[in-house]
N, C-alpha and C. Protein backbone atom coordinates (compact mmCIF):
# COMPACT_ATOMS: atom_id res chain seq x y z
N MET A 1 -130.65 -13.42 -173.22
CA MET A 1 -131.95 -12.78 -173.25
C MET A 1 -133.07 -13.80 -173.09
N ALA A 2 -132.90 -14.96 -173.74
CA ALA A 2 -133.92 -16.01 -173.64
C ALA A 2 -134.01 -16.52 -172.21
N LEU A 3 -132.87 -16.59 -171.54
CA LEU A 3 -132.85 -17.03 -170.15
C LEU A 3 -133.60 -16.04 -169.26
N PHE A 4 -133.42 -14.76 -169.51
CA PHE A 4 -134.13 -13.73 -168.75
C PHE A 4 -135.64 -13.85 -168.96
N ALA A 5 -136.07 -14.05 -170.19
CA ALA A 5 -137.50 -14.20 -170.49
C ALA A 5 -138.07 -15.43 -169.79
N LEU A 6 -137.31 -16.50 -169.78
CA LEU A 6 -137.75 -17.72 -169.10
C LEU A 6 -137.88 -17.48 -167.60
N ALA A 7 -136.94 -16.76 -167.02
CA ALA A 7 -136.98 -16.46 -165.59
C ALA A 7 -138.20 -15.61 -165.25
N VAL A 8 -138.50 -14.62 -166.08
CA VAL A 8 -139.67 -13.77 -165.86
C VAL A 8 -140.95 -14.60 -165.96
N LEU A 9 -141.00 -15.48 -166.93
CA LEU A 9 -142.17 -16.35 -167.11
C LEU A 9 -142.36 -17.27 -165.91
N LEU A 10 -141.29 -17.85 -165.42
CA LEU A 10 -141.37 -18.72 -164.24
C LEU A 10 -141.83 -17.95 -163.01
N LEU A 11 -141.33 -16.74 -162.84
CA LEU A 11 -141.75 -15.93 -161.71
C LEU A 11 -143.23 -15.58 -161.79
N ALA A 12 -143.71 -15.35 -162.99
CA ALA A 12 -145.13 -15.03 -163.16
C ALA A 12 -145.99 -16.22 -162.74
N PHE A 13 -145.58 -17.41 -163.11
CA PHE A 13 -146.35 -18.59 -162.74
C PHE A 13 -146.27 -18.90 -161.25
N THR A 14 -145.11 -18.75 -160.66
CA THR A 14 -144.97 -19.05 -159.24
C THR A 14 -145.57 -17.95 -158.38
N GLY A 15 -145.69 -16.74 -158.91
CA GLY A 15 -146.26 -15.64 -158.15
C GLY A 15 -147.75 -15.80 -157.94
N SER A 16 -148.43 -16.53 -158.80
CA SER A 16 -149.87 -16.72 -158.64
C SER A 16 -150.12 -18.04 -157.94
N SER A 17 -149.94 -18.02 -156.65
CA SER A 17 -150.08 -19.25 -155.87
C SER A 17 -151.55 -19.52 -155.58
N SER A 18 -151.79 -20.72 -155.10
CA SER A 18 -153.15 -21.09 -154.73
C SER A 18 -153.31 -21.02 -153.22
N ALA A 19 -152.60 -20.10 -152.59
CA ALA A 19 -152.67 -19.95 -151.14
C ALA A 19 -154.07 -19.53 -150.72
N THR A 20 -154.50 -20.03 -149.58
CA THR A 20 -155.78 -19.63 -149.04
C THR A 20 -155.64 -19.29 -147.57
N TRP A 21 -156.47 -18.38 -147.12
CA TRP A 21 -156.51 -17.94 -145.75
C TRP A 21 -157.94 -18.02 -145.25
N CYS A 22 -158.10 -17.98 -143.96
CA CYS A 22 -159.42 -17.98 -143.33
C CYS A 22 -159.59 -16.64 -142.63
N VAL A 23 -160.71 -15.98 -142.85
CA VAL A 23 -160.99 -14.70 -142.20
C VAL A 23 -162.41 -14.69 -141.65
N CYS A 24 -162.64 -13.82 -140.69
CA CYS A 24 -163.97 -13.69 -140.10
C CYS A 24 -164.88 -12.88 -141.01
N LYS A 25 -166.13 -13.29 -141.05
CA LYS A 25 -167.14 -12.55 -141.79
C LYS A 25 -167.55 -11.33 -140.98
N GLU A 26 -168.31 -10.43 -141.61
CA GLU A 26 -168.85 -9.29 -140.90
C GLU A 26 -169.75 -9.80 -139.78
N GLY A 27 -169.69 -9.16 -138.64
CA GLY A 27 -170.53 -9.56 -137.51
C GLY A 27 -170.29 -8.65 -136.34
N SER A 28 -171.10 -8.81 -135.32
CA SER A 28 -170.95 -7.98 -134.12
C SER A 28 -169.66 -8.37 -133.40
N ASP A 29 -169.15 -7.42 -132.63
CA ASP A 29 -167.93 -7.71 -131.86
C ASP A 29 -168.15 -8.88 -130.91
N ALA A 30 -169.35 -9.00 -130.36
CA ALA A 30 -169.63 -10.09 -129.41
C ALA A 30 -169.50 -11.45 -130.09
N ILE A 31 -170.03 -11.57 -131.30
CA ILE A 31 -169.94 -12.84 -132.05
C ILE A 31 -168.50 -13.12 -132.46
N LEU A 32 -167.81 -12.09 -132.96
CA LEU A 32 -166.43 -12.27 -133.37
C LEU A 32 -165.54 -12.59 -132.18
N GLN A 33 -165.83 -12.03 -131.02
CA GLN A 33 -165.05 -12.33 -129.82
C GLN A 33 -165.21 -13.79 -129.43
N LYS A 34 -166.42 -14.33 -129.55
CA LYS A 34 -166.63 -15.76 -129.26
C LYS A 34 -165.83 -16.63 -130.22
N THR A 35 -165.81 -16.24 -131.49
CA THR A 35 -165.04 -16.98 -132.49
C THR A 35 -163.56 -16.91 -132.17
N LEU A 36 -163.08 -15.72 -131.84
CA LEU A 36 -161.68 -15.51 -131.46
C LEU A 36 -161.32 -16.37 -130.26
N ASP A 37 -162.15 -16.34 -129.23
CA ASP A 37 -161.89 -17.13 -128.02
C ASP A 37 -161.85 -18.62 -128.32
N TYR A 38 -162.78 -19.08 -129.16
CA TYR A 38 -162.80 -20.50 -129.50
C TYR A 38 -161.52 -20.89 -130.24
N ALA A 39 -161.16 -20.11 -131.28
CA ALA A 39 -159.98 -20.44 -132.08
C ALA A 39 -158.72 -20.48 -131.21
N CYS A 40 -158.57 -19.49 -130.34
CA CYS A 40 -157.38 -19.44 -129.48
C CYS A 40 -157.37 -20.59 -128.49
N GLY A 41 -158.53 -20.99 -128.01
CA GLY A 41 -158.60 -22.09 -127.06
C GLY A 41 -158.51 -23.46 -127.69
N ALA A 42 -158.71 -23.53 -129.01
CA ALA A 42 -158.74 -24.82 -129.71
C ALA A 42 -157.48 -25.11 -130.51
N GLY A 43 -156.44 -24.30 -130.33
CA GLY A 43 -155.18 -24.64 -130.98
C GLY A 43 -154.55 -23.59 -131.86
N ALA A 44 -155.23 -22.47 -132.08
CA ALA A 44 -154.62 -21.39 -132.87
C ALA A 44 -153.44 -20.80 -132.11
N ASP A 45 -152.45 -20.32 -132.84
CA ASP A 45 -151.33 -19.62 -132.21
C ASP A 45 -151.72 -18.16 -132.07
N CYS A 46 -152.17 -17.77 -130.89
CA CYS A 46 -152.62 -16.40 -130.67
C CYS A 46 -151.56 -15.53 -130.00
N ASN A 47 -150.36 -16.07 -129.81
CA ASN A 47 -149.28 -15.28 -129.20
C ASN A 47 -148.99 -13.98 -129.94
N PRO A 48 -149.02 -13.96 -131.29
CA PRO A 48 -148.75 -12.70 -131.99
C PRO A 48 -149.80 -11.62 -131.72
N LEU A 49 -150.94 -11.99 -131.13
CA LEU A 49 -152.00 -11.02 -130.86
C LEU A 49 -151.84 -10.34 -129.51
N HIS A 50 -150.93 -10.84 -128.68
CA HIS A 50 -150.73 -10.23 -127.36
C HIS A 50 -150.14 -8.83 -127.50
N GLN A 51 -150.38 -8.00 -126.50
CA GLN A 51 -149.86 -6.64 -126.52
C GLN A 51 -148.37 -6.67 -126.81
N ASN A 52 -147.92 -5.81 -127.69
CA ASN A 52 -146.54 -5.72 -128.18
C ASN A 52 -146.19 -6.84 -129.14
N GLY A 53 -147.14 -7.72 -129.47
CA GLY A 53 -146.92 -8.76 -130.47
C GLY A 53 -147.01 -8.16 -131.87
N PRO A 54 -146.48 -8.84 -132.88
CA PRO A 54 -146.47 -8.30 -134.23
C PRO A 54 -147.86 -8.13 -134.85
N CYS A 55 -148.87 -8.79 -134.29
CA CYS A 55 -150.22 -8.70 -134.85
C CYS A 55 -151.23 -8.08 -133.89
N PHE A 56 -150.72 -7.41 -132.85
CA PHE A 56 -151.61 -6.75 -131.89
C PHE A 56 -152.35 -5.58 -132.55
N GLN A 57 -151.66 -4.86 -133.42
CA GLN A 57 -152.28 -3.75 -134.16
C GLN A 57 -152.72 -4.22 -135.54
N PRO A 58 -153.84 -3.88 -136.05
CA PRO A 58 -154.81 -3.03 -135.36
C PRO A 58 -155.49 -3.78 -134.22
N ASN A 59 -155.68 -3.09 -133.13
CA ASN A 59 -156.26 -3.68 -131.93
C ASN A 59 -157.78 -3.64 -132.02
N THR A 60 -158.33 -4.48 -132.88
CA THR A 60 -159.78 -4.59 -133.02
C THR A 60 -160.15 -6.06 -132.90
N VAL A 61 -161.38 -6.30 -132.48
CA VAL A 61 -161.84 -7.68 -132.37
C VAL A 61 -161.79 -8.36 -133.74
N ARG A 62 -162.21 -7.66 -134.77
CA ARG A 62 -162.24 -8.25 -136.12
C ARG A 62 -160.84 -8.64 -136.59
N ALA A 63 -159.87 -7.75 -136.41
CA ALA A 63 -158.50 -8.05 -136.85
C ALA A 63 -157.93 -9.23 -136.07
N HIS A 64 -158.15 -9.27 -134.78
CA HIS A 64 -157.65 -10.38 -133.98
C HIS A 64 -158.38 -11.67 -134.33
N CYS A 65 -159.68 -11.57 -134.61
CA CYS A 65 -160.45 -12.75 -135.03
C CYS A 65 -159.89 -13.30 -136.33
N ASN A 66 -159.60 -12.42 -137.28
CA ASN A 66 -159.04 -12.86 -138.56
C ASN A 66 -157.76 -13.65 -138.37
N TYR A 67 -156.87 -13.13 -137.54
CA TYR A 67 -155.59 -13.81 -137.33
C TYR A 67 -155.81 -15.16 -136.66
N ALA A 68 -156.65 -15.20 -135.65
CA ALA A 68 -156.87 -16.42 -134.88
C ALA A 68 -157.51 -17.52 -135.73
N VAL A 69 -158.55 -17.19 -136.50
CA VAL A 69 -159.20 -18.24 -137.29
C VAL A 69 -158.27 -18.73 -138.39
N ASN A 70 -157.44 -17.83 -138.93
CA ASN A 70 -156.50 -18.26 -139.96
C ASN A 70 -155.44 -19.19 -139.37
N SER A 71 -154.94 -18.86 -138.19
CA SER A 71 -153.96 -19.73 -137.54
C SER A 71 -154.55 -21.11 -137.30
N TYR A 72 -155.76 -21.17 -136.81
CA TYR A 72 -156.45 -22.44 -136.56
C TYR A 72 -156.59 -23.22 -137.88
N PHE A 73 -157.06 -22.54 -138.91
CA PHE A 73 -157.27 -23.14 -140.24
C PHE A 73 -155.98 -23.73 -140.78
N GLN A 74 -154.88 -22.99 -140.66
CA GLN A 74 -153.60 -23.47 -141.17
C GLN A 74 -153.09 -24.65 -140.33
N ARG A 75 -153.23 -24.57 -139.02
CA ARG A 75 -152.77 -25.66 -138.16
C ARG A 75 -153.58 -26.94 -138.36
N LYS A 76 -154.79 -26.80 -138.84
CA LYS A 76 -155.62 -27.98 -139.15
C LYS A 76 -155.38 -28.45 -140.59
N GLY A 77 -154.36 -27.90 -141.24
CA GLY A 77 -154.00 -28.31 -142.59
C GLY A 77 -155.02 -27.89 -143.63
N GLN A 78 -155.72 -26.79 -143.37
CA GLN A 78 -156.76 -26.28 -144.26
C GLN A 78 -157.84 -27.33 -144.52
N ALA A 79 -158.08 -28.17 -143.53
CA ALA A 79 -159.07 -29.24 -143.66
C ALA A 79 -160.46 -28.64 -143.90
N GLN A 80 -161.24 -29.33 -144.71
CA GLN A 80 -162.59 -28.89 -144.99
C GLN A 80 -163.35 -28.74 -143.67
N GLY A 81 -164.04 -27.64 -143.51
CA GLY A 81 -164.81 -27.37 -142.31
C GLY A 81 -164.03 -26.67 -141.21
N SER A 82 -162.71 -26.55 -141.36
CA SER A 82 -161.91 -25.92 -140.30
C SER A 82 -161.90 -24.39 -140.40
N CYS A 83 -162.61 -23.85 -141.38
CA CYS A 83 -162.77 -22.39 -141.49
C CYS A 83 -164.25 -22.05 -141.54
N ASP A 84 -165.00 -22.61 -140.66
CA ASP A 84 -166.43 -22.32 -140.63
C ASP A 84 -166.81 -21.55 -139.37
N PHE A 85 -166.44 -22.10 -138.22
CA PHE A 85 -166.70 -21.45 -136.94
C PHE A 85 -168.17 -21.03 -136.83
N ALA A 86 -169.04 -22.01 -137.00
CA ALA A 86 -170.49 -21.79 -136.91
C ALA A 86 -170.96 -20.70 -137.87
N GLY A 87 -170.33 -20.64 -139.04
CA GLY A 87 -170.74 -19.68 -140.06
C GLY A 87 -170.16 -18.29 -139.92
N THR A 88 -169.22 -18.09 -138.99
CA THR A 88 -168.67 -16.75 -138.78
C THR A 88 -167.38 -16.48 -139.54
N ALA A 89 -166.87 -17.49 -140.27
CA ALA A 89 -165.61 -17.30 -141.00
C ALA A 89 -165.73 -17.89 -142.40
N THR A 90 -164.83 -17.49 -143.27
CA THR A 90 -164.84 -17.95 -144.65
C THR A 90 -163.43 -18.00 -145.21
N VAL A 91 -163.22 -18.83 -146.22
CA VAL A 91 -161.93 -18.95 -146.89
C VAL A 91 -161.80 -17.86 -147.94
N THR A 92 -160.60 -17.31 -148.07
CA THR A 92 -160.33 -16.28 -149.07
C THR A 92 -159.00 -16.56 -149.76
N ALA A 93 -158.86 -16.08 -150.99
CA ALA A 93 -157.60 -16.17 -151.72
C ALA A 93 -156.81 -14.87 -151.59
N SER A 94 -157.37 -13.87 -150.91
CA SER A 94 -156.69 -12.58 -150.71
C SER A 94 -155.93 -12.59 -149.39
N ASP A 95 -154.66 -12.33 -149.46
CA ASP A 95 -153.81 -12.32 -148.27
C ASP A 95 -154.24 -11.19 -147.33
N PRO A 96 -154.68 -11.53 -146.11
CA PRO A 96 -155.13 -10.50 -145.18
C PRO A 96 -154.00 -9.86 -144.35
N SER A 97 -152.77 -10.22 -144.62
CA SER A 97 -151.63 -9.69 -143.86
C SER A 97 -151.64 -8.16 -143.89
N THR A 98 -151.23 -7.55 -142.78
CA THR A 98 -151.19 -6.10 -142.69
C THR A 98 -149.89 -5.67 -142.01
N GLY A 99 -149.34 -4.58 -142.46
CA GLY A 99 -148.15 -4.01 -141.84
C GLY A 99 -147.12 -5.06 -141.48
N GLY A 100 -146.75 -5.13 -140.22
CA GLY A 100 -145.77 -6.10 -139.76
C GLY A 100 -146.35 -7.45 -139.38
N CYS A 101 -147.63 -7.65 -139.67
CA CYS A 101 -148.30 -8.90 -139.30
C CYS A 101 -148.51 -9.77 -140.54
N SER A 102 -147.77 -10.85 -140.60
CA SER A 102 -147.85 -11.77 -141.73
C SER A 102 -148.72 -12.96 -141.36
N TYR A 103 -149.79 -13.17 -142.11
CA TYR A 103 -150.68 -14.30 -141.88
C TYR A 103 -150.12 -15.53 -142.57
N PRO A 104 -149.96 -16.64 -141.85
CA PRO A 104 -149.47 -17.86 -142.49
C PRO A 104 -150.43 -18.34 -143.57
N ALA A 105 -149.88 -18.95 -144.60
CA ALA A 105 -150.70 -19.51 -145.68
C ALA A 105 -150.58 -21.02 -145.76
N SER A 106 -149.89 -21.61 -144.78
CA SER A 106 -149.78 -23.06 -144.72
C SER A 106 -149.50 -23.47 -143.29
N ALA A 107 -149.72 -24.73 -143.00
CA ALA A 107 -149.51 -25.23 -141.64
C ALA A 107 -148.06 -25.10 -141.21
N SER A 108 -147.12 -25.32 -142.13
CA SER A 108 -145.72 -25.27 -141.77
C SER A 108 -145.29 -23.87 -141.35
N CYS A 109 -145.98 -22.85 -141.85
CA CYS A 109 -145.64 -21.47 -141.50
C CYS A 109 -146.24 -21.06 -140.17
N SER A 110 -147.29 -21.73 -139.72
CA SER A 110 -147.99 -21.25 -138.53
C SER A 110 -147.54 -21.95 -137.26
N ILE A 111 -146.68 -22.94 -137.36
CA ILE A 111 -146.18 -23.62 -136.17
C ILE A 111 -144.79 -23.09 -135.87
N TRP A 112 -144.63 -22.40 -134.78
CA TRP A 112 -143.39 -21.71 -134.46
C TRP A 112 -142.63 -22.53 -133.54
């Protein structure tokens, strides 16, 4: 019984990770599209956003922007300033993953 309690306690501590993600702030589609284009052109893994990719849906500029800036942020090792994008993105502790689309929370997860 004590072993079970210890296991539950350990799971509780490991479940509250300090993972961070980068997401786009509210903005016009035109601004978010520029951010998306920059992130994809500067090293983000945007392959999952292609049609029939696991992160194509929801097919909105905001959703695709979120994935792209997070991929860039993770590939840059969550370096300070790598989730700014001229003020259009911000760091969050809330996992933005949706449905079949899993957002990486570390650089090792985002390099395929």
